[in-house]
Amino acid sequence: MGGNQTRITEVTLLGFQVDPALEFSLFGLFSLFYMITLLGNGVILGLICLDPRLHTPMYFFLSHLAIVDMSYASNNVPKMLTNLVNQKRTISFVPCITQTFLFLAFAATESLILVVMSYDRYVAICHPLHYTVIMSWRGCIVLAVSSWVFSFILALVHLLLILRLPFCGPHEINHFFCEILSVLKLAC
């Protein structure tokens, strides 16, 4: 590691490089999509919580998927919306790395929850008489918690490996959020 490297403090998110009038239209469109995402997943969560007939393993995992979807969107979209209406499109390095970490964690969690949901359907179809024993509430909770924990551990491993890299190049990311491949391009 050379002695001529400076510590990176902030990164410029280039995002959408379009006409400023179009940026306000994009702001309105993405704001609408973001609100629909939050509202739709909130309705799913509310219905699953309120209706006792939906207190089954499949809907339990579906509620986790809704939480992941809301978290995933809330990690990326607010900064993108801010950058669409603001000419200063910088983000400090620590929030950028945090955004990368959460992006990785939520992506892995979503994948693992989908795997668990497919396992639930496999048990329901192939072993219907043993379904209630195999997919007990204790087992469902263990599967859900394991999905979250392993995803965050995997994201932490990626983050620790990224932080070992020297960052000395142009501090610009050609994206609207700090995605892992874009952050890796900042390394020397």
N, C-alpha and C. Protein backbone atom coordinates (compact mmCIF):
# COMPACT_ATOMS: atom_id res chain seq x y z
N MET A 1 0.85 -1.17 0.00
CA MET A 1 0.00 0.00 0.00
C MET A 1 0.90 1.24 0.00
N GLY A 2 0.77 2.04 -1.02
CA GLY A 2 1.63 3.19 -1.18
C GLY A 2 1.36 4.28 -0.17
N GLY A 3 2.35 5.12 0.07
CA GLY A 3 2.20 6.20 1.02
C GLY A 3 1.58 7.44 0.42
N ASN A 4 1.33 7.46 -0.90
CA ASN A 4 0.83 8.64 -1.57
C ASN A 4 -0.69 8.59 -1.76
N GLN A 5 -1.39 7.74 -1.02
CA GLN A 5 -2.83 7.63 -1.18
C GLN A 5 -3.53 8.54 -0.19
N THR A 6 -4.59 9.16 -0.64
CA THR A 6 -5.40 9.99 0.25
C THR A 6 -6.63 9.21 0.66
N ARG A 7 -7.13 9.50 1.82
CA ARG A 7 -8.32 8.82 2.33
C ARG A 7 -9.55 9.40 1.64
N ILE A 8 -10.38 8.53 1.11
CA ILE A 8 -11.59 8.97 0.40
C ILE A 8 -12.61 9.44 1.44
N THR A 9 -13.18 10.62 1.22
CA THR A 9 -14.16 11.15 2.16
C THR A 9 -15.56 11.21 1.57
N GLU A 10 -15.64 11.48 0.27
CA GLU A 10 -16.96 11.49 -0.36
C GLU A 10 -16.87 11.04 -1.80
N VAL A 11 -18.03 10.61 -2.31
CA VAL A 11 -18.13 10.06 -3.64
C VAL A 11 -19.24 10.81 -4.37
N THR A 12 -19.06 11.03 -5.66
CA THR A 12 -20.10 11.66 -6.47
C THR A 12 -20.89 10.57 -7.18
N LEU A 13 -22.20 10.61 -7.00
CA LEU A 13 -23.10 9.68 -7.68
C LEU A 13 -23.59 10.36 -8.96
N LEU A 14 -23.14 9.88 -10.09
CA LEU A 14 -23.52 10.52 -11.36
C LEU A 14 -24.99 10.30 -11.68
N GLY A 15 -25.51 9.14 -11.39
CA GLY A 15 -26.94 8.86 -11.57
C GLY A 15 -27.40 9.04 -12.99
N PHE A 16 -28.60 9.59 -13.12
CA PHE A 16 -29.18 9.85 -14.44
C PHE A 16 -28.61 11.16 -14.97
N GLN A 17 -27.94 11.11 -16.07
CA GLN A 17 -27.37 12.31 -16.66
C GLN A 17 -28.28 12.76 -17.80
N VAL A 18 -29.36 13.45 -17.40
CA VAL A 18 -30.38 13.89 -18.36
C VAL A 18 -30.68 15.37 -18.14
N ASP A 19 -31.55 15.88 -18.96
CA ASP A 19 -31.99 17.27 -18.88
C ASP A 19 -32.63 17.54 -17.51
N PRO A 20 -32.36 18.72 -16.91
CA PRO A 20 -32.94 19.03 -15.59
C PRO A 20 -34.47 18.98 -15.57
N ALA A 21 -35.12 19.33 -16.65
CA ALA A 21 -36.59 19.25 -16.68
C ALA A 21 -37.04 17.80 -16.59
N LEU A 22 -36.31 16.91 -17.23
CA LEU A 22 -36.63 15.49 -17.18
C LEU A 22 -36.36 14.92 -15.79
N GLU A 23 -35.38 15.49 -15.09
CA GLU A 23 -35.07 15.02 -13.74
C GLU A 23 -36.27 15.21 -12.80
N PHE A 24 -36.98 16.34 -12.92
CA PHE A 24 -38.15 16.56 -12.08
C PHE A 24 -39.28 15.58 -12.43
N SER A 25 -39.40 15.25 -13.71
CA SER A 25 -40.39 14.24 -14.11
C SER A 25 -40.01 12.88 -13.54
N LEU A 26 -38.72 12.55 -13.62
CA LEU A 26 -38.25 11.29 -13.04
C LEU A 26 -38.45 11.26 -11.53
N PHE A 27 -38.23 12.42 -10.89
CA PHE A 27 -38.45 12.52 -9.45
C PHE A 27 -39.91 12.17 -9.10
N GLY A 28 -40.85 12.75 -9.85
CA GLY A 28 -42.26 12.46 -9.61
C GLY A 28 -42.60 11.01 -9.87
N LEU A 29 -42.09 10.46 -10.95
CA LEU A 29 -42.37 9.07 -11.32
C LEU A 29 -41.80 8.10 -10.28
N PHE A 30 -40.53 8.30 -9.90
CA PHE A 30 -39.91 7.40 -8.92
C PHE A 30 -40.49 7.58 -7.52
N SER A 31 -40.91 8.80 -7.20
CA SER A 31 -41.60 9.01 -5.92
C SER A 31 -42.90 8.23 -5.87
N LEU A 32 -43.62 8.25 -6.97
CA LEU A 32 -44.88 7.50 -7.06
C LEU A 32 -44.61 5.99 -6.92
N PHE A 33 -43.62 5.49 -7.64
CA PHE A 33 -43.28 4.06 -7.55
C PHE A 33 -42.85 3.68 -6.13
N TYR A 34 -42.09 4.56 -5.50
CA TYR A 34 -41.62 4.30 -4.14
C TYR A 34 -42.80 4.24 -3.16
N MET A 35 -43.72 5.19 -3.29
CA MET A 35 -44.90 5.18 -2.41
C MET A 35 -45.77 3.95 -2.66
N ILE A 36 -45.92 3.56 -3.92
CA ILE A 36 -46.70 2.36 -4.24
C ILE A 36 -46.03 1.12 -3.65
N THR A 37 -44.70 1.06 -3.72
CA THR A 37 -43.97 -0.07 -3.14
C THR A 37 -44.20 -0.14 -1.64
N LEU A 38 -44.04 0.99 -0.96
CA LEU A 38 -44.23 1.00 0.49
C LEU A 38 -45.68 0.70 0.87
N LEU A 39 -46.61 1.30 0.14
CA LEU A 39 -48.03 1.09 0.43
C LEU A 39 -48.44 -0.35 0.16
N GLY A 40 -48.04 -0.89 -0.98
CA GLY A 40 -48.39 -2.26 -1.34
C GLY A 40 -47.86 -3.28 -0.34
N ASN A 41 -46.59 -3.14 0.01
CA ASN A 41 -46.01 -4.07 0.98
C ASN A 41 -46.57 -3.85 2.37
N GLY A 42 -46.91 -2.60 2.70
CA GLY A 42 -47.55 -2.32 3.98
C GLY A 42 -48.92 -2.96 4.08
N VAL A 43 -49.67 -2.93 2.97
CA VAL A 43 -50.99 -3.58 2.93
C VAL A 43 -50.83 -5.09 3.10
N ILE A 44 -49.84 -5.66 2.43
CA ILE A 44 -49.59 -7.11 2.58
C ILE A 44 -49.29 -7.44 4.03
N LEU A 45 -48.41 -6.67 4.66
CA LEU A 45 -48.08 -6.91 6.07
C LEU A 45 -49.30 -6.75 6.97
N GLY A 46 -50.08 -5.70 6.72
CA GLY A 46 -51.27 -5.46 7.53
C GLY A 46 -52.28 -6.58 7.41
N LEU A 47 -52.54 -7.03 6.20
CA LEU A 47 -53.50 -8.11 5.99
C LEU A 47 -53.03 -9.41 6.65
N ILE A 48 -51.74 -9.70 6.53
CA ILE A 48 -51.22 -10.93 7.14
C ILE A 48 -51.32 -10.86 8.66
N CYS A 49 -51.06 -9.70 9.23
CA CYS A 49 -51.15 -9.55 10.69
C CYS A 49 -52.60 -9.59 11.18
N LEU A 50 -53.52 -8.99 10.45
CA LEU A 50 -54.90 -8.85 10.91
C LEU A 50 -55.78 -10.08 10.68
N ASP A 51 -55.52 -10.84 9.64
CA ASP A 51 -56.38 -11.98 9.32
C ASP A 51 -55.79 -13.27 9.87
N PRO A 52 -56.42 -13.88 10.88
CA PRO A 52 -55.89 -15.11 11.48
C PRO A 52 -55.79 -16.28 10.48
N ARG A 53 -56.59 -16.27 9.42
CA ARG A 53 -56.51 -17.33 8.41
C ARG A 53 -55.19 -17.28 7.64
N LEU A 54 -54.51 -16.15 7.69
CA LEU A 54 -53.23 -16.01 6.98
C LEU A 54 -52.04 -16.28 7.89
N HIS A 55 -52.26 -16.75 9.07
CA HIS A 55 -51.17 -17.07 9.99
C HIS A 55 -50.68 -18.49 9.72
N THR A 56 -50.12 -18.66 8.52
CA THR A 56 -49.56 -19.93 8.09
C THR A 56 -48.11 -19.69 7.68
N PRO A 57 -47.30 -20.78 7.56
CA PRO A 57 -45.89 -20.58 7.19
C PRO A 57 -45.70 -19.80 5.89
N MET A 58 -46.51 -20.10 4.87
CA MET A 58 -46.35 -19.42 3.58
C MET A 58 -46.50 -17.91 3.73
N TYR A 59 -47.51 -17.47 4.46
CA TYR A 59 -47.73 -16.03 4.64
C TYR A 59 -46.74 -15.43 5.64
N PHE A 60 -46.26 -16.24 6.56
CA PHE A 60 -45.20 -15.77 7.47
C PHE A 60 -43.97 -15.38 6.65
N PHE A 61 -43.58 -16.25 5.72
CA PHE A 61 -42.42 -15.95 4.87
C PHE A 61 -42.73 -14.82 3.89
N LEU A 62 -43.97 -14.75 3.43
CA LEU A 62 -44.36 -13.65 2.55
C LEU A 62 -44.26 -12.31 3.27
N SER A 63 -44.57 -12.29 4.56
CA SER A 63 -44.43 -11.04 5.32
C SER A 63 -42.96 -10.64 5.43
N HIS A 64 -42.07 -11.62 5.57
CA HIS A 64 -40.63 -11.31 5.58
C HIS A 64 -40.18 -10.77 4.23
N LEU A 65 -40.72 -11.33 3.18
CA LEU A 65 -40.39 -10.85 1.83
C LEU A 65 -40.86 -9.41 1.64
N ALA A 66 -42.02 -9.07 2.18
CA ALA A 66 -42.53 -7.70 2.10
C ALA A 66 -41.62 -6.74 2.88
N ILE A 67 -41.17 -7.17 4.05
CA ILE A 67 -40.26 -6.34 4.86
C ILE A 67 -38.95 -6.12 4.11
N VAL A 68 -38.41 -7.17 3.51
CA VAL A 68 -37.17 -7.04 2.74
C VAL A 68 -37.37 -6.09 1.57
N ASP A 69 -38.50 -6.19 0.89
CA ASP A 69 -38.76 -5.33 -0.26
C ASP A 69 -38.85 -3.87 0.15
N MET A 70 -39.52 -3.60 1.27
CA MET A 70 -39.61 -2.22 1.76
C MET A 70 -38.23 -1.70 2.17
N SER A 71 -37.45 -2.54 2.83
CA SER A 71 -36.12 -2.14 3.28
C SER A 71 -35.19 -1.91 2.10
N TYR A 72 -35.27 -2.78 1.13
CA TYR A 72 -34.44 -2.69 -0.08
C TYR A 72 -34.69 -1.36 -0.79
N ALA A 73 -35.97 -1.03 -0.96
CA ALA A 73 -36.32 0.23 -1.63
C ALA A 73 -35.91 1.42 -0.78
N SER A 74 -36.10 1.34 0.52
CA SER A 74 -35.78 2.47 1.40
C SER A 74 -34.28 2.68 1.54
N ASN A 75 -33.49 1.70 1.20
CA ASN A 75 -32.04 1.84 1.23
C ASN A 75 -31.54 2.66 0.05
N ASN A 76 -32.17 2.53 -1.10
CA ASN A 76 -31.64 3.14 -2.33
C ASN A 76 -32.41 4.36 -2.83
N VAL A 77 -33.72 4.30 -2.78
CA VAL A 77 -34.54 5.30 -3.46
C VAL A 77 -34.45 6.70 -2.85
N PRO A 78 -34.47 6.88 -1.51
CA PRO A 78 -34.43 8.26 -1.00
C PRO A 78 -33.22 9.07 -1.46
N LYS A 79 -32.03 8.45 -1.49
CA LYS A 79 -30.84 9.17 -1.96
C LYS A 79 -30.95 9.47 -3.44
N MET A 80 -31.52 8.55 -4.22
CA MET A 80 -31.71 8.78 -5.64
C MET A 80 -32.67 9.96 -5.87
N LEU A 81 -33.75 10.01 -5.09
CA LEU A 81 -34.70 11.11 -5.22
C LEU A 81 -34.06 12.44 -4.84
N THR A 82 -33.25 12.42 -3.79
CA THR A 82 -32.55 13.64 -3.38
C THR A 82 -31.62 14.13 -4.48
N ASN A 83 -30.91 13.20 -5.11
CA ASN A 83 -29.98 13.58 -6.16
C ASN A 83 -30.69 14.08 -7.42
N LEU A 84 -31.93 13.65 -7.64
CA LEU A 84 -32.66 14.13 -8.82
C LEU A 84 -33.03 15.61 -8.71
N VAL A 85 -33.22 16.11 -7.48
CA VAL A 85 -33.61 17.51 -7.31
C VAL A 85 -32.47 18.37 -6.79
N ASN A 86 -31.33 17.78 -6.52
CA ASN A 86 -30.20 18.50 -5.95
C ASN A 86 -29.03 18.42 -6.92
N GLN A 87 -28.35 19.53 -7.14
CA GLN A 87 -27.21 19.53 -8.05
C GLN A 87 -25.95 18.95 -7.40
N LYS A 88 -25.87 19.02 -6.06
CA LYS A 88 -24.73 18.43 -5.35
C LYS A 88 -25.05 16.95 -5.11
N ARG A 89 -24.44 16.10 -5.89
CA ARG A 89 -24.79 14.68 -5.87
C ARG A 89 -23.72 13.85 -5.18
N THR A 90 -23.25 14.32 -4.07
CA THR A 90 -22.21 13.59 -3.36
C THR A 90 -22.81 12.83 -2.19
N ILE A 91 -22.08 11.80 -1.79
CA ILE A 91 -22.43 11.03 -0.61
C ILE A 91 -21.12 10.75 0.11
N SER A 92 -21.13 10.89 1.42
CA SER A 92 -19.93 10.59 2.20
C SER A 92 -19.59 9.12 2.05
N PHE A 93 -18.33 8.79 2.28
CA PHE A 93 -17.88 7.42 2.06
C PHE A 93 -18.53 6.43 3.02
N VAL A 94 -18.69 6.80 4.29
CA VAL A 94 -19.29 5.88 5.27
C VAL A 94 -20.74 5.57 4.92
N PRO A 95 -21.59 6.56 4.62
CA PRO A 95 -22.95 6.21 4.18
C PRO A 95 -22.96 5.40 2.87
N CYS A 96 -22.01 5.64 2.00
CA CYS A 96 -21.92 4.89 0.75
C CYS A 96 -21.63 3.42 1.05
N ILE A 97 -20.68 3.17 1.94
CA ILE A 97 -20.34 1.79 2.31
C ILE A 97 -21.51 1.15 3.06
N THR A 98 -22.19 1.92 3.89
CA THR A 98 -23.37 1.41 4.60
C THR A 98 -24.46 1.03 3.61
N GLN A 99 -24.66 1.87 2.60
CA GLN A 99 -25.65 1.58 1.57
C GLN A 99 -25.27 0.31 0.81
N THR A 100 -24.00 0.13 0.51
CA THR A 100 -23.53 -1.08 -0.16
C THR A 100 -23.78 -2.31 0.71
N PHE A 101 -23.46 -2.19 2.00
CA PHE A 101 -23.67 -3.30 2.94
C PHE A 101 -25.14 -3.70 3.00
N LEU A 102 -26.02 -2.71 3.15
CA LEU A 102 -27.46 -3.00 3.24
C LEU A 102 -27.99 -3.55 1.93
N PHE A 103 -27.49 -3.03 0.82
CA PHE A 103 -27.89 -3.54 -0.50
C PHE A 103 -27.57 -5.02 -0.61
N LEU A 104 -26.35 -5.40 -0.22
CA LEU A 104 -25.93 -6.80 -0.27
C LEU A 104 -26.74 -7.65 0.70
N ALA A 105 -26.95 -7.15 1.91
CA ALA A 105 -27.68 -7.91 2.93
C ALA A 105 -29.12 -8.16 2.51
N PHE A 106 -29.80 -7.13 2.02
CA PHE A 106 -31.20 -7.29 1.63
C PHE A 106 -31.33 -8.17 0.38
N ALA A 107 -30.38 -8.08 -0.54
CA ALA A 107 -30.43 -8.93 -1.73
C ALA A 107 -30.27 -10.40 -1.33
N ALA A 108 -29.32 -10.68 -0.45
CA ALA A 108 -29.11 -12.06 0.00
C ALA A 108 -30.30 -12.55 0.82
N THR A 109 -30.86 -11.69 1.67
CA THR A 109 -32.02 -12.07 2.46
C THR A 109 -33.19 -12.42 1.57
N GLU A 110 -33.42 -11.59 0.55
CA GLU A 110 -34.52 -11.86 -0.38
C GLU A 110 -34.34 -13.22 -1.05
N SER A 111 -33.13 -13.52 -1.47
CA SER A 111 -32.86 -14.81 -2.11
C SER A 111 -33.11 -15.97 -1.16
N LEU A 112 -32.62 -15.84 0.06
CA LEU A 112 -32.79 -16.93 1.03
C LEU A 112 -34.24 -17.11 1.45
N ILE A 113 -34.97 -16.02 1.60
CA ILE A 113 -36.40 -16.14 1.93
C ILE A 113 -37.14 -16.83 0.79
N LEU A 114 -36.79 -16.52 -0.46
CA LEU A 114 -37.41 -17.20 -1.59
C LEU A 114 -37.07 -18.69 -1.60
N VAL A 115 -35.85 -19.04 -1.21
CA VAL A 115 -35.47 -20.45 -1.10
C VAL A 115 -36.31 -21.13 -0.02
N VAL A 116 -36.46 -20.47 1.12
CA VAL A 116 -37.26 -21.04 2.21
C VAL A 116 -38.72 -21.19 1.78
N MET A 117 -39.24 -20.21 1.06
CA MET A 117 -40.62 -20.31 0.57
C MET A 117 -40.77 -21.49 -0.40
N SER A 118 -39.78 -21.71 -1.24
CA SER A 118 -39.86 -22.85 -2.16
C SER A 118 -39.76 -24.17 -1.39
N TYR A 119 -38.98 -24.20 -0.33
CA TYR A 119 -38.91 -25.39 0.52
C TYR A 119 -40.27 -25.64 1.17
N ASP A 120 -40.92 -24.59 1.62
CA ASP A 120 -42.25 -24.71 2.22
C ASP A 120 -43.22 -25.33 1.22
N ARG A 121 -43.20 -24.86 -0.02
CA ARG A 121 -44.10 -25.43 -1.03
C ARG A 121 -43.73 -26.87 -1.37
N TYR A 122 -42.41 -27.16 -1.38
CA TYR A 122 -41.96 -28.53 -1.64
C TYR A 122 -42.51 -29.48 -0.57
N VAL A 123 -42.41 -29.09 0.69
CA VAL A 123 -42.92 -29.92 1.78
C VAL A 123 -44.44 -30.07 1.68
N ALA A 124 -45.14 -28.98 1.35
CA ALA A 124 -46.60 -29.03 1.23
C ALA A 124 -47.05 -29.97 0.12
N ILE A 125 -46.29 -30.03 -0.97
CA ILE A 125 -46.68 -30.86 -2.11
C ILE A 125 -46.20 -32.30 -1.96
N CYS A 126 -44.95 -32.48 -1.57
CA CYS A 126 -44.36 -33.81 -1.55
C CYS A 126 -44.57 -34.57 -0.24
N HIS A 127 -44.78 -33.85 0.85
CA HIS A 127 -44.97 -34.50 2.15
C HIS A 127 -46.16 -33.86 2.89
N PRO A 128 -47.35 -33.92 2.30
CA PRO A 128 -48.49 -33.21 2.90
C PRO A 128 -48.89 -33.72 4.28
N LEU A 129 -48.69 -35.00 4.54
CA LEU A 129 -49.08 -35.53 5.85
C LEU A 129 -48.11 -35.14 6.95
N HIS A 130 -46.88 -34.81 6.57
CA HIS A 130 -45.87 -34.41 7.55
C HIS A 130 -45.67 -32.89 7.58
N TYR A 131 -46.47 -32.17 6.81
CA TYR A 131 -46.27 -30.72 6.65
C TYR A 131 -46.26 -29.98 7.99
N THR A 132 -47.25 -30.24 8.82
CA THR A 132 -47.34 -29.49 10.08
C THR A 132 -46.20 -29.81 11.04
N VAL A 133 -45.64 -31.00 10.92
CA VAL A 133 -44.51 -31.36 11.78
C VAL A 133 -43.23 -30.71 11.25
N ILE A 134 -43.01 -30.81 9.94
CA ILE A 134 -41.78 -30.25 9.34
C ILE A 134 -41.79 -28.73 9.39
N MET A 135 -42.91 -28.12 9.05
CA MET A 135 -43.00 -26.65 9.01
C MET A 135 -43.71 -26.12 10.26
N SER A 136 -43.22 -26.52 11.41
CA SER A 136 -43.77 -26.01 12.67
C SER A 136 -43.39 -24.55 12.82
N TRP A 137 -44.04 -23.85 13.74
CA TRP A 137 -43.72 -22.43 13.94
C TRP A 137 -42.29 -22.24 14.40
N ARG A 138 -41.82 -23.15 15.22
CA ARG A 138 -40.43 -23.07 15.68
C ARG A 138 -39.48 -23.21 14.48
N GLY A 139 -39.77 -24.17 13.60
CA GLY A 139 -38.96 -24.37 12.41
C GLY A 139 -39.01 -23.18 11.47
N CYS A 140 -40.18 -22.59 11.32
CA CYS A 140 -40.32 -21.41 10.45
C CYS A 140 -39.52 -20.23 10.99
N ILE A 141 -39.57 -20.05 12.29
CA ILE A 141 -38.82 -18.94 12.89
C ILE A 141 -37.32 -19.17 12.73
N VAL A 142 -36.88 -20.40 12.92
CA VAL A 142 -35.46 -20.72 12.74
C VAL A 142 -35.04 -20.46 11.30
N LEU A 143 -35.86 -20.87 10.34
CA LEU A 143 -35.53 -20.63 8.92
C LEU A 143 -35.48 -19.14 8.59
N ALA A 144 -36.44 -18.38 9.11
CA ALA A 144 -36.47 -16.94 8.82
C ALA A 144 -35.28 -16.22 9.47
N VAL A 145 -35.04 -16.51 10.73
CA VAL A 145 -33.93 -15.86 11.43
C VAL A 145 -32.60 -16.25 10.79
N SER A 146 -32.47 -17.52 10.42
CA SER A 146 -31.24 -17.97 9.76
C SER A 146 -31.02 -17.22 8.44
N SER A 147 -32.09 -17.02 7.69
CA SER A 147 -31.98 -16.28 6.43
C SER A 147 -31.45 -14.88 6.66
N TRP A 148 -32.00 -14.19 7.65
CA TRP A 148 -31.56 -12.82 7.95
C TRP A 148 -30.12 -12.81 8.46
N VAL A 149 -29.80 -13.68 9.40
CA VAL A 149 -28.46 -13.68 10.01
C VAL A 149 -27.39 -14.02 9.00
N PHE A 150 -27.59 -15.10 8.24
CA PHE A 150 -26.59 -15.49 7.25
C PHE A 150 -26.41 -14.44 6.17
N SER A 151 -27.48 -13.77 5.80
CA SER A 151 -27.38 -12.71 4.79
C SER A 151 -26.54 -11.54 5.30
N PHE A 152 -26.77 -11.14 6.54
CA PHE A 152 -26.00 -10.02 7.08
C PHE A 152 -24.55 -10.42 7.32
N ILE A 153 -24.30 -11.67 7.68
CA ILE A 153 -22.91 -12.13 7.84
C ILE A 153 -22.21 -12.13 6.49
N LEU A 154 -22.88 -12.63 5.46
CA LEU A 154 -22.29 -12.63 4.12
C LEU A 154 -22.00 -11.20 3.64
N ALA A 155 -22.94 -10.30 3.88
CA ALA A 155 -22.73 -8.90 3.49
C ALA A 155 -21.57 -8.29 4.28
N LEU A 156 -21.45 -8.66 5.55
CA LEU A 156 -20.35 -8.15 6.37
C LEU A 156 -19.00 -8.64 5.85
N VAL A 157 -18.94 -9.89 5.43
CA VAL A 157 -17.70 -10.42 4.84
C VAL A 157 -17.33 -9.63 3.59
N HIS A 158 -18.30 -9.40 2.72
CA HIS A 158 -18.05 -8.59 1.52
C HIS A 158 -17.56 -7.19 1.90
N LEU A 159 -18.21 -6.59 2.89
CA LEU A 159 -17.85 -5.24 3.31
C LEU A 159 -16.42 -5.19 3.85
N LEU A 160 -16.06 -6.15 4.69
CA LEU A 160 -14.71 -6.18 5.24
C LEU A 160 -13.67 -6.35 4.14
N LEU A 161 -13.96 -7.16 3.14
CA LEU A 161 -13.03 -7.32 2.02
C LEU A 161 -12.93 -6.04 1.19
N ILE A 162 -14.04 -5.35 1.02
CA ILE A 162 -14.02 -4.08 0.27
C ILE A 162 -13.19 -3.04 1.02
N LEU A 163 -13.37 -2.97 2.34
CA LEU A 163 -12.68 -1.94 3.11
C LEU A 163 -11.16 -2.16 3.18
N ARG A 164 -10.70 -3.32 2.83
CA ARG A 164 -9.25 -3.58 2.80
C ARG A 164 -8.61 -3.02 1.54
N LEU A 165 -9.42 -2.66 0.56
CA LEU A 165 -8.90 -2.15 -0.71
C LEU A 165 -8.48 -0.69 -0.57
N PRO A 166 -7.43 -0.29 -1.30
CA PRO A 166 -7.08 1.14 -1.33
C PRO A 166 -7.95 1.87 -2.35
N PHE A 167 -8.51 2.99 -1.95
CA PHE A 167 -9.35 3.79 -2.84
C PHE A 167 -8.60 5.05 -3.21
N CYS A 168 -8.23 5.18 -4.50
CA CYS A 168 -7.45 6.35 -4.89
C CYS A 168 -7.83 6.88 -6.27
N GLY A 169 -8.78 6.25 -6.93
CA GLY A 169 -9.13 6.67 -8.29
C GLY A 169 -10.08 7.85 -8.29
N PRO A 170 -10.69 8.11 -9.43
CA PRO A 170 -11.70 9.17 -9.47
C PRO A 170 -12.87 8.75 -8.58
N HIS A 171 -13.32 9.66 -7.78
CA HIS A 171 -14.35 9.36 -6.79
C HIS A 171 -15.74 9.60 -7.36
N GLU A 172 -16.01 8.96 -8.50
CA GLU A 172 -17.30 9.08 -9.16
C GLU A 172 -17.88 7.69 -9.41
N ILE A 173 -19.15 7.55 -9.10
CA ILE A 173 -19.85 6.30 -9.34
C ILE A 173 -20.90 6.56 -10.41
N ASN A 174 -20.82 5.81 -11.50
CA ASN A 174 -21.76 5.99 -12.60
C ASN A 174 -23.03 5.18 -12.33
N HIS A 175 -23.68 5.53 -11.25
CA HIS A 175 -24.90 4.85 -10.80
C HIS A 175 -25.65 5.83 -9.92
N PHE A 176 -26.87 5.48 -9.50
CA PHE A 176 -27.62 6.38 -8.62
C PHE A 176 -27.59 5.95 -7.17
N PHE A 177 -26.87 4.86 -6.87
CA PHE A 177 -26.61 4.47 -5.48
C PHE A 177 -25.30 3.70 -5.44
N CYS A 178 -24.82 3.43 -4.24
CA CYS A 178 -23.53 2.76 -4.06
C CYS A 178 -23.70 1.26 -4.17
N GLU A 179 -23.69 0.77 -5.38
CA GLU A 179 -23.80 -0.65 -5.66
C GLU A 179 -22.40 -1.25 -5.62
N ILE A 180 -22.27 -2.52 -5.26
CA ILE A 180 -20.97 -3.12 -4.97
C ILE A 180 -19.99 -3.03 -6.14
N LEU A 181 -20.41 -3.31 -7.35
CA LEU A 181 -19.49 -3.26 -8.48
C LEU A 181 -19.01 -1.84 -8.75
N SER A 182 -19.89 -0.87 -8.53
CA SER A 182 -19.49 0.53 -8.71
C SER A 182 -18.48 0.94 -7.65
N VAL A 183 -18.67 0.48 -6.43
CA VAL A 183 -17.73 0.80 -5.35
C VAL A 183 -16.39 0.13 -5.61
N LEU A 184 -16.40 -1.09 -6.11
CA LEU A 184 -15.15 -1.79 -6.43
C LEU A 184 -14.34 -1.07 -7.51
N LYS A 185 -15.02 -0.38 -8.42
CA LYS A 185 -14.33 0.37 -9.47
C LYS A 185 -13.57 1.58 -8.91
N LEU A 186 -13.92 1.99 -7.69
CA LEU A 186 -13.21 3.12 -7.07
C LEU A 186 -11.84 2.72 -6.54
N ALA A 187 -11.63 1.42 -6.37
CA ALA A 187 -10.36 0.93 -5.82
C ALA A 187 -9.25 1.05 -6.85
N CYS A 188 -8.05 1.21 -6.35
CA CYS A 188 -6.88 1.33 -7.23
C CYS A 188 -6.61 0.02 -7.96
